[in-house]
Structure formats: C-alpha cells, structure tokens
Amino acid sequence: MAQTVATTEELQPGDRKFVEINGIEITVLNVDGEIYAIRNFCPHMEGPVGRGPVNHEDCETPTIDCPFHGWTFDLETGKVSFGNSKRIMTFDTEVVNGEIRVDV
C-alpha cells in the first residue's frame, strides 16, 4: 500500500528525505525530477547507503554509493554495479496531486 511521504514542494531536485514505514528506514530521493525510494541499508557492511553520494551524470539510471565502502547501486533496480549477487531494496514511487507516495 502506497503511503504519502512528502510533497513535491518539500522534495526538490537534489533533495533526499529519510522516513520510516512499517519499521523500515527508507530514503526518498529526487534526482533531476525523478523520485526513487530505497531501503537505507547496505547489504555489505550494513551502512546507511541512503546517505551516500548520488551519481547521475552520464548514466542511464542514477546510482548511489554506500558512504562506508563505496559500493555502487542502481537506484532503479537496486543491483550492485559489479554483479547481481547483492542489491539494495527499492520501492515503487508515484506522484499524485503533488504528493510523493512510496509503495512498501
């Protein structure tokens, strides 16, 4: 079930917001007007991946780097850059009447 986590006015391009839904810490990111939502948990060393730098220049889809060890994850699929063995949890998002919703 989708839950409203912010408005488009609150989450401008380049912004991120941390929310908890059903006991899961989620990072919601606005990357050039596209909304992404990921679990703020790196499968490598349990780092706060949602706090890492976002890469979106020269990329098909934006990525995020874990601030602990630099693993890079695709924000759309959650796949790690060097294979399919590890991934972060991603969530579907939608914008309805200016409200950003995350489907958990």
PDB file of N, CA and C in Angstrom:
ATOM      1  N   MET A   1       0.830  -1.175   0.000  1.00  0.00           N
ATOM      2  CA  MET A   1       0.000   0.000   0.000  1.00  0.00           C
ATOM      3  C   MET A   1       0.882   1.248   0.000  1.00  0.00           C
ATOM      4  N   ALA A   2       0.607   2.162  -0.908  1.00  0.00           N
ATOM      5  CA  ALA A   2       1.400   3.383  -1.036  1.00  0.00           C
ATOM      6  C   ALA A   2       1.068   4.357   0.091  1.00  0.00           C
ATOM      7  N   GLN A   3       2.132   4.976   0.619  1.00  0.00           N
ATOM      8  CA  GLN A   3       1.966   5.958   1.684  1.00  0.00           C
ATOM      9  C   GLN A   3       2.609   7.275   1.263  1.00  0.00           C
ATOM     10  N   THR A   4       1.941   8.367   1.558  1.00  0.00           N
ATOM     11  CA  THR A   4       2.479   9.687   1.265  1.00  0.00           C
ATOM     12  C   THR A   4       3.624   9.990   2.226  1.00  0.00           C
ATOM     13  N   VAL A   5       4.775  10.402   1.653  1.00  0.00           N
ATOM     14  CA  VAL A   5       5.950  10.686   2.484  1.00  0.00           C
ATOM     15  C   VAL A   5       6.409  12.142   2.393  1.00  0.00           C
ATOM     16  N   ALA A   6       5.950  12.850   1.365  1.00  0.00           N
ATOM     17  CA  ALA A   6       6.355  14.250   1.183  1.00  0.00           C
ATOM     18  C   ALA A   6       5.527  14.834   0.050  1.00  0.00           C
ATOM     19  N   THR A   7       5.711  16.128  -0.144  1.00  0.00           N
ATOM     20  CA  THR A   7       5.131  16.780  -1.317  1.00  0.00           C
ATOM     21  C   THR A   7       6.275  17.121  -2.271  1.00  0.00           C
ATOM     22  N   THR A   8       5.923  17.412  -3.507  1.00  0.00           N
ATOM     23  CA  THR A   8       6.953  17.791  -4.470  1.00  0.00           C
ATOM     24  C   THR A   8       7.599  19.117  -4.093  1.00  0.00           C
ATOM     25  N   GLU A   9       6.883  19.953  -3.368  1.00  0.00           N
ATOM     26  CA  GLU A   9       7.473  21.212  -2.890  1.00  0.00           C
ATOM     27  C   GLU A   9       8.526  20.947  -1.812  1.00  0.00           C
ATOM     28  N   GLU A  10       8.292  19.944  -0.986  1.00  0.00           N
ATOM     29  CA  GLU A  10       9.231  19.601   0.092  1.00  0.00           C
ATOM     30  C   GLU A  10      10.475  18.887  -0.428  1.00  0.00           C
ATOM     31  N   LEU A  11      10.351  18.146  -1.516  1.00  0.00           N
ATOM     32  CA  LEU A  11      11.454  17.323  -2.025  1.00  0.00           C
ATOM     33  C   LEU A  11      11.819  17.793  -3.433  1.00  0.00           C
ATOM     34  N   GLN A  12      12.640  18.822  -3.478  1.00  0.00           N
ATOM     35  CA  GLN A  12      13.081  19.415  -4.741  1.00  0.00           C
ATOM     36  C   GLN A  12      14.203  18.566  -5.365  1.00  0.00           C
ATOM     37  N   PRO A  13      14.486  18.732  -6.664  1.00  0.00           N
ATOM     38  CA  PRO A  13      15.609  18.015  -7.279  1.00  0.00           C
ATOM     39  C   PRO A  13      16.895  18.202  -6.472  1.00  0.00           C
ATOM     40  N   GLY A  14      17.555  17.093  -6.221  1.00  0.00           N
ATOM     41  CA  GLY A  14      18.779  17.092  -5.419  1.00  0.00           C
ATOM     42  C   GLY A  14      18.548  16.807  -3.946  1.00  0.00           C
ATOM     43  N   ASP A  15      17.293  16.862  -3.511  1.00  0.00           N
ATOM     44  CA  ASP A  15      16.967  16.618  -2.105  1.00  0.00           C
ATOM     45  C   ASP A  15      16.756  15.130  -1.832  1.00  0.00           C
ATOM     46  N   ARG A  16      16.851  14.784  -0.562  1.00  0.00           N
ATOM     47  CA  ARG A  16      16.501  13.444  -0.090  1.00  0.00           C
ATOM     48  C   ARG A  16      15.834  13.573   1.260  1.00  0.00           C
ATOM     49  N   LYS A  17      15.026  12.588   1.576  1.00  0.00           N
ATOM     50  CA  LYS A  17      14.303  12.586   2.847  1.00  0.00           C
ATOM     51  C   LYS A  17      14.349  11.172   3.408  1.00  0.00           C
ATOM     52  N   PHE A  18      14.503  11.080   4.723  1.00  0.00           N
ATOM     53  CA  PHE A  18      14.538   9.788   5.400  1.00  0.00           C
ATOM     54  C   PHE A  18      13.220   9.600   6.145  1.00  0.00           C
ATOM     55  N   VAL A  19      12.564   8.481   5.887  1.00  0.00           N
ATOM     56  CA  VAL A  19      11.290   8.182   6.531  1.00  0.00           C
ATOM     57  C   VAL A  19      11.329   6.736   7.027  1.00  0.00           C
ATOM     58  N   GLU A  20      10.443   6.438   7.958  1.00  0.00           N
ATOM     59  CA  GLU A  20      10.289   5.056   8.415  1.00  0.00           C
ATOM     60  C   GLU A  20       8.859   4.626   8.148  1.00  0.00           C
ATOM     61  N   ILE A  21       8.732   3.514   7.434  1.00  0.00           N
ATOM     62  CA  ILE A  21       7.424   2.945   7.129  1.00  0.00           C
ATOM     63  C   ILE A  21       7.463   1.471   7.506  1.00  0.00           C
ATOM     64  N   ASN A  22       6.529   1.066   8.345  1.00  0.00           N
ATOM     65  CA  ASN A  22       6.449  -0.330   8.787  1.00  0.00           C
ATOM     66  C   ASN A  22       7.775  -0.838   9.354  1.00  0.00           C
ATOM     67  N   GLY A  23       8.480   0.029  10.073  1.00  0.00           N
ATOM     68  CA  GLY A  23       9.741  -0.358  10.704  1.00  0.00           C
ATOM     69  C   GLY A  23      10.932  -0.400   9.767  1.00  0.00           C
ATOM     70  N   ILE A  24      10.767   0.064   8.514  1.00  0.00           N
ATOM     71  CA  ILE A  24      11.849   0.063   7.531  1.00  0.00           C
ATOM     72  C   ILE A  24      12.292   1.503   7.298  1.00  0.00           C
ATOM     73  N   GLU A  25      13.598   1.775   7.459  1.00  0.00           N
ATOM     74  CA  GLU A  25      14.108   3.109   7.175  1.00  0.00           C
ATOM     75  C   GLU A  25      14.316   3.237   5.673  1.00  0.00           C
ATOM     76  N   ILE A  26      13.653   4.218   5.082  1.00  0.00           N
ATOM     77  CA  ILE A  26      13.653   4.403   3.638  1.00  0.00           C
ATOM     78  C   ILE A  26      14.198   5.789   3.320  1.00  0.00           C
ATOM     79  N   THR A  27      15.010   5.850   2.255  1.00  0.00           N
ATOM     80  CA  THR A  27      15.493   7.117   1.741  1.00  0.00           C
ATOM     81  C   THR A  27      14.731   7.408   0.453  1.00  0.00           C
ATOM     82  N   VAL A  28      14.115   8.566   0.396  1.00  0.00           N
ATOM     83  CA  VAL A  28      13.394   9.011  -0.795  1.00  0.00           C
ATOM     84  C   VAL A  28      14.236  10.113  -1.428  1.00  0.00           C
ATOM     85  N   LEU A  29      14.552   9.954  -2.717  1.00  0.00           N
ATOM     86  CA  LEU A  29      15.448  10.884  -3.398  1.00  0.00           C
ATOM     87  C   LEU A  29      14.779  11.466  -4.629  1.00  0.00           C
ATOM     88  N   ASN A  30      15.028  12.754  -4.854  1.00  0.00           N
ATOM     89  CA  ASN A  30      14.598  13.411  -6.078  1.00  0.00           C
ATOM     90  C   ASN A  30      15.856  13.656  -6.899  1.00  0.00           C
ATOM     91  N   VAL A  31      15.995  12.901  -7.981  1.00  0.00           N
ATOM     92  CA  VAL A  31      17.162  13.023  -8.852  1.00  0.00           C
ATOM     93  C   VAL A  31      16.679  13.608 -10.181  1.00  0.00           C
ATOM     94  N   ASP A  32      16.950  14.865 -10.389  1.00  0.00           N
ATOM     95  CA  ASP A  32      16.543  15.557 -11.619  1.00  0.00           C
ATOM     96  C   ASP A  32      15.057  15.407 -11.909  1.00  0.00           C
ATOM     97  N   GLY A  33      14.232  15.448 -10.863  1.00  0.00           N
ATOM     98  CA  GLY A  33      12.788  15.365 -11.030  1.00  0.00           C
ATOM     99  C   GLY A  33      12.221  13.957 -11.000  1.00  0.00           C
ATOM    100  N   GLU A  34      13.074  12.943 -10.994  1.00  0.00           N
ATOM    101  CA  GLU A  34      12.630  11.549 -10.866  1.00  0.00           C
ATOM    102  C   GLU A  34      12.730  11.146  -9.395  1.00  0.00           C
ATOM    103  N   ILE A  35      11.695  10.477  -8.903  1.00  0.00           N
ATOM    104  CA  ILE A  35      11.657  10.089  -7.492  1.00  0.00           C
ATOM    105  C   ILE A  35      12.048   8.621  -7.355  1.00  0.00           C
ATOM    106  N   TYR A  36      12.960   8.350  -6.424  1.00  0.00           N
ATOM    107  CA  TYR A  36      13.409   6.992  -6.125  1.00  0.00           C
ATOM    108  C   TYR A  36      13.273   6.766  -4.630  1.00  0.00           C
ATOM    109  N   ALA A  37      13.061   5.515  -4.243  1.00  0.00           N
ATOM    110  CA  ALA A  37      12.994   5.161  -2.822  1.00  0.00           C
ATOM    111  C   ALA A  37      13.758   3.857  -2.625  1.00  0.00           C
ATOM    112  N   ILE A  38      14.654   3.875  -1.644  1.00  0.00           N
ATOM    113  CA  ILE A  38      15.469   2.703  -1.336  1.00  0.00           C
ATOM    114  C   ILE A  38      15.485   2.470   0.167  1.00  0.00           C
ATOM    115  N   ARG A  39      15.729   1.228   0.542  1.00  0.00           N
ATOM    116  CA  ARG A  39      15.942   0.935   1.964  1.00  0.00           C
ATOM    117  C   ARG A  39      17.319   1.472   2.329  1.00  0.00           C
ATOM    118  N   ASN A  40      17.412   2.160   3.434  1.00  0.00           N
ATOM    119  CA  ASN A  40      18.663   2.773   3.870  1.00  0.00           C
ATOM    120  C   ASN A  40      19.529   1.740   4.593  1.00  0.00           C
ATOM    121  N   PHE A  41      19.947   0.715   3.834  1.00  0.00           N
ATOM    122  CA  PHE A  41      20.689  -0.396   4.429  1.00  0.00           C
ATOM    123  C   PHE A  41      21.531  -1.055   3.349  1.00  0.00           C
ATOM    124  N   CYS A  42      22.847  -1.011   3.491  1.00  0.00           N
ATOM    125  CA  CYS A  42      23.749  -1.649   2.530  1.00  0.00           C
ATOM    126  C   CYS A  42      23.951  -3.117   2.926  1.00  0.00           C
ATOM    127  N   PRO A  43      23.800  -4.045   1.994  1.00  0.00           N
ATOM    128  CA  PRO A  43      23.964  -5.466   2.320  1.00  0.00           C
ATOM    129  C   PRO A  43      25.411  -5.866   2.590  1.00  0.00           C
ATOM    130  N   HIS A  44      26.358  -4.983   2.342  1.00  0.00           N
ATOM    131  CA  HIS A  44      27.770  -5.312   2.539  1.00  0.00           C
ATOM    132  C   HIS A  44      28.165  -5.210   4.010  1.00  0.00           C
ATOM    133  N   MET A  45      28.103  -4.000   4.555  1.00  0.00           N
ATOM    134  CA  MET A  45      28.513  -3.779   5.942  1.00  0.00           C
ATOM    135  C   MET A  45      27.417  -3.058   6.733  1.00  0.00           C
ATOM    136  N   GLU A  46      26.186  -3.151   6.234  1.00  0.00           N
ATOM    137  CA  GLU A  46      25.018  -2.580   6.902  1.00  0.00           C
ATOM    138  C   GLU A  46      25.099  -1.060   7.037  1.00  0.00           C
ATOM    139  N   GLY A  47      25.802  -0.425   6.117  1.00  0.00           N
ATOM    140  CA  GLY A  47      25.944   1.025   6.139  1.00  0.00           C
ATOM    141  C   GLY A  47      24.685   1.740   5.695  1.00  0.00           C
ATOM    142  N   PRO A  48      24.595   3.041   5.996  1.00  0.00           N
ATOM    143  CA  PRO A  48      23.441   3.851   5.616  1.00  0.00           C
ATOM    144  C   PRO A  48      23.554   4.312   4.161  1.00  0.00           C
ATOM    145  N   VAL A  49      23.316   3.404   3.242  1.00  0.00           N
ATOM    146  CA  VAL A  49      23.533   3.662   1.815  1.00  0.00           C
ATOM    147  C   VAL A  49      22.788   4.903   1.338  1.00  0.00           C
ATOM    148  N   GLY A  50      21.661   5.202   1.917  1.00  0.00           N
ATOM    149  CA  GLY A  50      20.875   6.361   1.504  1.00  0.00           C
ATOM    150  C   GLY A  50      21.529   7.695   1.786  1.00  0.00           C
ATOM    151  N   ARG A  51      22.612   7.700   2.551  1.00  0.00           N
ATOM    152  CA  ARG A  51      23.326   8.939   2.861  1.00  0.00           C
ATOM    153  C   ARG A  51      24.501   9.175   1.910  1.00  0.00           C
ATOM    154  N   GLY A  52      24.722   8.224   1.002  1.00  0.00           N
ATOM    155  CA  GLY A  52      25.859   8.326   0.087  1.00  0.00           C
ATOM    156  C   GLY A  52      25.613   9.257  -1.080  1.00  0.00           C
ATOM    157  N   PRO A  53      26.692   9.557  -1.827  1.00  0.00           N
ATOM    158  CA  PRO A  53      26.562  10.441  -2.982  1.00  0.00           C
ATOM    159  C   PRO A  53      25.794   9.778  -4.126  1.00  0.00           C
ATOM    160  N   VAL A  54      25.015  10.583  -4.821  1.00  0.00           N
ATOM    161  CA  VAL A  54      24.244  10.123  -5.973  1.00  0.00           C
ATOM    162  C   VAL A  54      25.005  10.505  -7.239  1.00  0.00           C
ATOM    163  N   ASN A  55      25.063   9.570  -8.161  1.00  0.00           N
ATOM    164  CA  ASN A  55      25.727   9.795  -9.444  1.00  0.00           C
ATOM    165  C   ASN A  55      24.655   9.751 -10.529  1.00  0.00           C
ATOM    166  N   HIS A  56      24.557  10.811 -11.313  1.00  0.00           N
ATOM    167  CA  HIS A  56      23.540  10.805 -12.359  1.00  0.00           C
ATOM    168  C   HIS A  56      24.047  11.389 -13.668  1.00  0.00           C
ATOM    169  N   GLU A  57      25.260  11.824 -13.710  1.00  0.00           N
ATOM    170  CA  GLU A  57      25.853  12.321 -14.956  1.00  0.00           C
ATOM    171  C   GLU A  57      26.327  11.126 -15.771  1.00  0.00           C
ATOM    172  N   ASP A  58      26.021  11.124 -17.054  1.00  0.00           N
ATOM    173  CA  ASP A  58      26.483  10.076 -17.969  1.00  0.00           C
ATOM    174  C   ASP A  58      26.042   8.677 -17.542  1.00  0.00           C
ATOM    175  N   CYS A  59      24.872   8.560 -16.940  1.00  0.00           N
ATOM    176  CA  CYS A  59      24.346   7.266 -16.512  1.00  0.00           C
ATOM    177  C   CYS A  59      22.973   7.053 -17.140  1.00  0.00           C
ATOM    178  N   GLU A  60      22.671   5.811 -17.520  1.00  0.00           N
ATOM    179  CA  GLU A  60      21.310   5.505 -17.976  1.00  0.00           C
ATOM    180  C   GLU A  60      20.326   5.715 -16.842  1.00  0.00           C
ATOM    181  N   THR A  61      20.651   5.147 -15.692  1.00  0.00           N
ATOM    182  CA  THR A  61      19.856   5.366 -14.486  1.00  0.00           C
ATOM    183  C   THR A  61      20.814   5.809 -13.391  1.00  0.00           C
ATOM    184  N   PRO A  62      20.346   6.651 -12.482  1.00  0.00           N
ATOM    185  CA  PRO A  62      21.236   7.133 -11.424  1.00  0.00           C
ATOM    186  C   PRO A  62      21.648   6.010 -10.472  1.00  0.00           C
ATOM    187  N   THR A  63      22.779   6.233  -9.843  1.00  0.00           N
ATOM    188  CA  THR A  63      23.301   5.283  -8.861  1.00  0.00           C
ATOM    189  C   THR A  63      23.594   6.023  -7.568  1.00  0.00           C
ATOM    190  N   ILE A  64      23.800   5.227  -6.512  1.00  0.00           N
ATOM    191  CA  ILE A  64      24.166   5.776  -5.211  1.00  0.00           C
ATOM    192  C   ILE A  64      25.309   4.948  -4.661  1.00  0.00           C
ATOM    193  N   ASP A  65      26.264   5.609  -4.000  1.00  0.00           N
ATOM    194  CA  ASP A  65      27.426   4.937  -3.414  1.00  0.00           C
ATOM    195  C   ASP A  65      27.258   4.828  -1.912  1.00  0.00           C
ATOM    196  N   CYS A  66      27.498   3.644  -1.370  1.00  0.00           N
ATOM    197  CA  CYS A  66      27.470   3.483   0.080  1.00  0.00           C
ATOM    198  C   CYS A  66      28.604   4.324   0.677  1.00  0.00           C
ATOM    199  N   PRO A  67      28.312   5.157   1.667  1.00  0.00           N
ATOM    200  CA  PRO A  67      29.363   6.000   2.241  1.00  0.00           C
ATOM    201  C   PRO A  67      30.383   5.213   3.068  1.00  0.00           C
ATOM    202  N   PHE A  68      30.096   3.963   3.426  1.00  0.00           N
ATOM    203  CA  PHE A  68      31.040   3.171   4.219  1.00  0.00           C
ATOM    204  C   PHE A  68      32.161   2.576   3.366  1.00  0.00           C
ATOM    205  N   HIS A  69      31.788   1.922   2.247  1.00  0.00           N
ATOM    206  CA  HIS A  69      32.804   1.216   1.463  1.00  0.00           C
ATOM    207  C   HIS A  69      32.728   1.478  -0.033  1.00  0.00           C
ATOM    208  N   GLY A  70      31.856   2.386  -0.453  1.00  0.00           N
ATOM    209  CA  GLY A  70      31.844   2.800  -1.836  1.00  0.00           C
ATOM    210  C   GLY A  70      31.151   1.891  -2.826  1.00  0.00           C
ATOM    211  N   TRP A  71      30.460   0.854  -2.353  1.00  0.00           N
ATOM    212  CA  TRP A  71      29.721   0.026  -3.303  1.00  0.00           C
ATOM    213  C   TRP A  71      28.690   0.900  -4.002  1.00  0.00           C
ATOM    214  N   THR A  72      28.519   0.691  -5.293  1.00  0.00           N
ATOM    215  CA  THR A  72      27.606   1.492  -6.102  1.00  0.00           C
ATOM    216  C   THR A  72      26.378   0.663  -6.463  1.00  0.00           C
ATOM    217  N   PHE A  73      25.193   1.254  -6.242  1.00  0.00           N
ATOM    218  CA  PHE A  73      23.934   0.574  -6.514  1.00  0.00           C
ATOM    219  C   PHE A  73      23.086   1.391  -7.479  1.00  0.00           C
ATOM    220  N   ASP A  74      22.394   0.709  -8.389  1.00  0.00           N
ATOM    221  CA  ASP A  74      21.455   1.335  -9.310  1.00  0.00           C
ATOM    222  C   ASP A  74      20.207   1.714  -8.521  1.00  0.00           C
ATOM    223  N   LEU A  75      19.787   2.968  -8.610  1.00  0.00           N
ATOM    224  CA  LEU A  75      18.623   3.418  -7.832  1.00  0.00           C
ATOM    225  C   LEU A  75      17.307   2.825  -8.336  1.00  0.00           C
ATOM    226  N   GLU A  76      17.271   2.411  -9.583  1.00  0.00           N
ATOM    227  CA  GLU A  76      16.041   1.851 -10.139  1.00  0.00           C
ATOM    228  C   GLU A  76      15.884   0.370  -9.792  1.00  0.00           C
ATOM    229  N   THR A  77      16.950  -0.403  -9.967  1.00  0.00           N
ATOM    230  CA  THR A  77      16.874  -1.855  -9.766  1.00  0.00           C
ATOM    231  C   THR A  77      17.421  -2.309  -8.423  1.00  0.00           C
ATOM    232  N   GLY A  78      18.287  -1.511  -7.814  1.00  0.00           N
ATOM    233  CA  GLY A  78      18.929  -1.891  -6.568  1.00  0.00           C
ATOM    234  C   GLY A  78      20.165  -2.748  -6.749  1.00  0.00           C
ATOM    235  N   LYS A  79      20.502  -3.120  -7.991  1.00  0.00           N
ATOM    236  CA  LYS A  79      21.645  -4.010  -8.241  1.00  0.00           C
ATOM    237  C   LYS A  79      22.969  -3.303  -7.975  1.00  0.00           C
ATOM    238  N   VAL A  80      23.902  -4.068  -7.404  1.00  0.00           N
ATOM    239  CA  VAL A  80      25.252  -3.555  -7.198  1.00  0.00           C
ATOM    240  C   VAL A  80      25.945  -3.491  -8.559  1.00  0.00           C
ATOM    241  N   SER A  81      26.884  -2.583  -8.718  1.00  0.00           N
ATOM    242  CA  SER A  81      27.491  -2.330 -10.026  1.00  0.00           C
ATOM    243  C   SER A  81      28.368  -3.466 -10.536  1.00  0.00           C
ATOM    244  N   PHE A  82      28.870  -4.316  -9.675  1.00  0.00           N
ATOM    245  CA  PHE A  82      29.816  -5.342 -10.116  1.00  0.00           C
ATOM    246  C   PHE A  82      29.201  -6.733 -10.233  1.00  0.00           C
ATOM    247  N   GLY A  83      27.899  -6.847 -10.247  1.00  0.00           N
ATOM    248  CA  GLY A  83      27.253  -8.149 -10.408  1.00  0.00           C
ATOM    249  C   GLY A  83      25.858  -8.140  -9.828  1.00  0.00           C
ATOM    250  N   ASN A  84      25.227  -9.288  -9.853  1.00  0.00           N
ATOM    251  CA  ASN A  84      23.846  -9.384  -9.377  1.00  0.00           C
ATOM    252  C   ASN A  84      23.722 -10.052  -8.015  1.00  0.00           C
ATOM    253  N   SER A  85      24.845 -10.352  -7.375  1.00  0.00           N
ATOM    254  CA  SER A  85      24.772 -11.112  -6.135  1.00  0.00           C
ATOM    255  C   SER A  85      24.231 -10.299  -4.958  1.00  0.00           C
ATOM    256  N   LYS A  86      24.434  -9.011  -4.971  1.00  0.00           N
ATOM    257  CA  LYS A  86      23.958  -8.147  -3.880  1.00  0.00           C
ATOM    258  C   LYS A  86      23.109  -7.042  -4.465  1.00  0.00           C
ATOM    259  N   ARG A  87      22.155  -6.583  -3.678  1.00  0.00           N
ATOM    260  CA  ARG A  87      21.320  -5.460  -4.101  1.00  0.00           C
ATOM    261  C   ARG A  87      20.713  -4.800  -2.882  1.00  0.00           C
ATOM    262  N   ILE A  88      20.272  -3.571  -3.089  1.00  0.00           N
ATOM    263  CA  ILE A  88      19.514  -2.879  -2.059  1.00  0.00           C
ATOM    264  C   ILE A  88      18.042  -2.988  -2.412  1.00  0.00           C
ATOM    265  N   MET A  89      17.204  -2.897  -1.423  1.00  0.00           N
ATOM    266  CA  MET A  89      15.769  -2.961  -1.649  1.00  0.00           C
ATOM    267  C   MET A  89      15.303  -1.627  -2.210  1.00  0.00           C
ATOM    268  N   THR A  90      14.527  -1.684  -3.291  1.00  0.00           N
ATOM    269  CA  THR A  90      13.935  -0.492  -3.879  1.00  0.00           C
ATOM    270  C   THR A  90      12.421  -0.570  -3.743  1.00  0.00           C
ATOM    271  N   PHE A  91      11.789   0.579  -3.814  1.00  0.00           N
ATOM    272  CA  PHE A  91      10.334   0.649  -3.676  1.00  0.00           C
ATOM    273  C   PHE A  91       9.761   1.469  -4.824  1.00  0.00           C
ATOM    274  N   ASP A  92       8.580   1.098  -5.278  1.00  0.00           N
ATOM    275  CA  ASP A  92       7.891   1.870  -6.307  1.00  0.00           C
ATOM    276  C   ASP A  92       7.440   3.193  -5.712  1.00  0.00           C
ATOM    277  N   THR A  93       7.499   4.227  -6.546  1.00  0.00           N
ATOM    278  CA  THR A  93       7.050   5.554  -6.125  1.00  0.00           C
ATOM    279  C   THR A  93       6.072   6.101  -7.160  1.00  0.00           C
ATOM    280  N   GLU A  94       5.266   7.046  -6.722  1.00  0.00           N
ATOM    281  CA  GLU A  94       4.375   7.748  -7.634  1.00  0.00           C
ATOM    282  C   GLU A  94       4.122   9.139  -7.073  1.00  0.00           C
ATOM    283  N   VAL A  95       3.804  10.053  -7.972  1.00  0.00           N
ATOM    284  CA  VAL A  95       3.437  11.409  -7.581  1.00  0.00           C
ATOM    285  C   VAL A  95       1.984  11.603  -7.996  1.00  0.00           C
ATOM    286  N   VAL A  96       1.143  11.907  -7.006  1.00  0.00           N
ATOM    287  CA  VAL A  96      -0.282  12.119  -7.249  1.00  0.00           C
ATOM    288  C   VAL A  96      -0.671  13.446  -6.624  1.00  0.00           C
ATOM    289  N   ASN A  97      -1.149  14.364  -7.451  1.00  0.00           N
ATOM    290  CA  ASN A  97      -1.575  15.681  -6.974  1.00  0.00           C
ATOM    291  C   ASN A  97      -0.519  16.353  -6.092  1.00  0.00           C
ATOM    292  N   GLY A  98       0.742  16.244  -6.492  1.00  0.00           N
ATOM    293  CA  GLY A  98       1.809  16.892  -5.753  1.00  0.00           C
ATOM    294  C   GLY A  98       2.293  16.126  -4.534  1.00  0.00           C
ATOM    295  N   GLU A  99       1.706  14.962  -4.262  1.00  0.00           N
ATOM    296  CA  GLU A  99       2.129  14.136  -3.123  1.00  0.00           C
ATOM    297  C   GLU A  99       3.017  12.997  -3.621  1.00  0.00           C
ATOM    298  N   ILE A 100       4.139  12.803  -2.945  1.00  0.00           N
ATOM    299  CA  ILE A 100       5.053  11.707  -3.274  1.00  0.00           C
ATOM    300  C   ILE A 100       4.663  10.509  -2.422  1.00  0.00           C
ATOM    301  N   ARG A 101       4.389   9.404  -3.093  1.00  0.00           N
ATOM    302  CA  ARG A 101       3.962   8.182  -2.402  1.00  0.00           C
ATOM    303  C   ARG A 101       4.947   7.064  -2.651  1.00  0.00           C
ATOM    304  N   VAL A 102       5.181   6.278  -1.599  1.00  0.00           N
ATOM    305  CA  VAL A 102       6.076   5.122  -1.666  1.00  0.00           C
ATOM    306  C   VAL A 102       5.243   3.884  -1.361  1.00  0.00           C
ATOM    307  N   ASP A 103       5.389   2.876  -2.209  1.00  0.00           N
ATOM    308  CA  ASP A 103       4.660   1.624  -2.046  1.00  0.00           C
ATOM    309  C   ASP A 103       5.550   0.616  -1.319  1.00  0.00           C
ATOM    310  N   VAL A 104       5.211   0.353  -0.065  1.00  0.00           N
ATOM    311  CA  VAL A 104       6.008  -0.574   0.757  1.00  0.00           C
ATOM    312  C   VAL A 104       5.255  -1.891   0.893  1.00  0.00           C
TER     313      VAL A 104
END
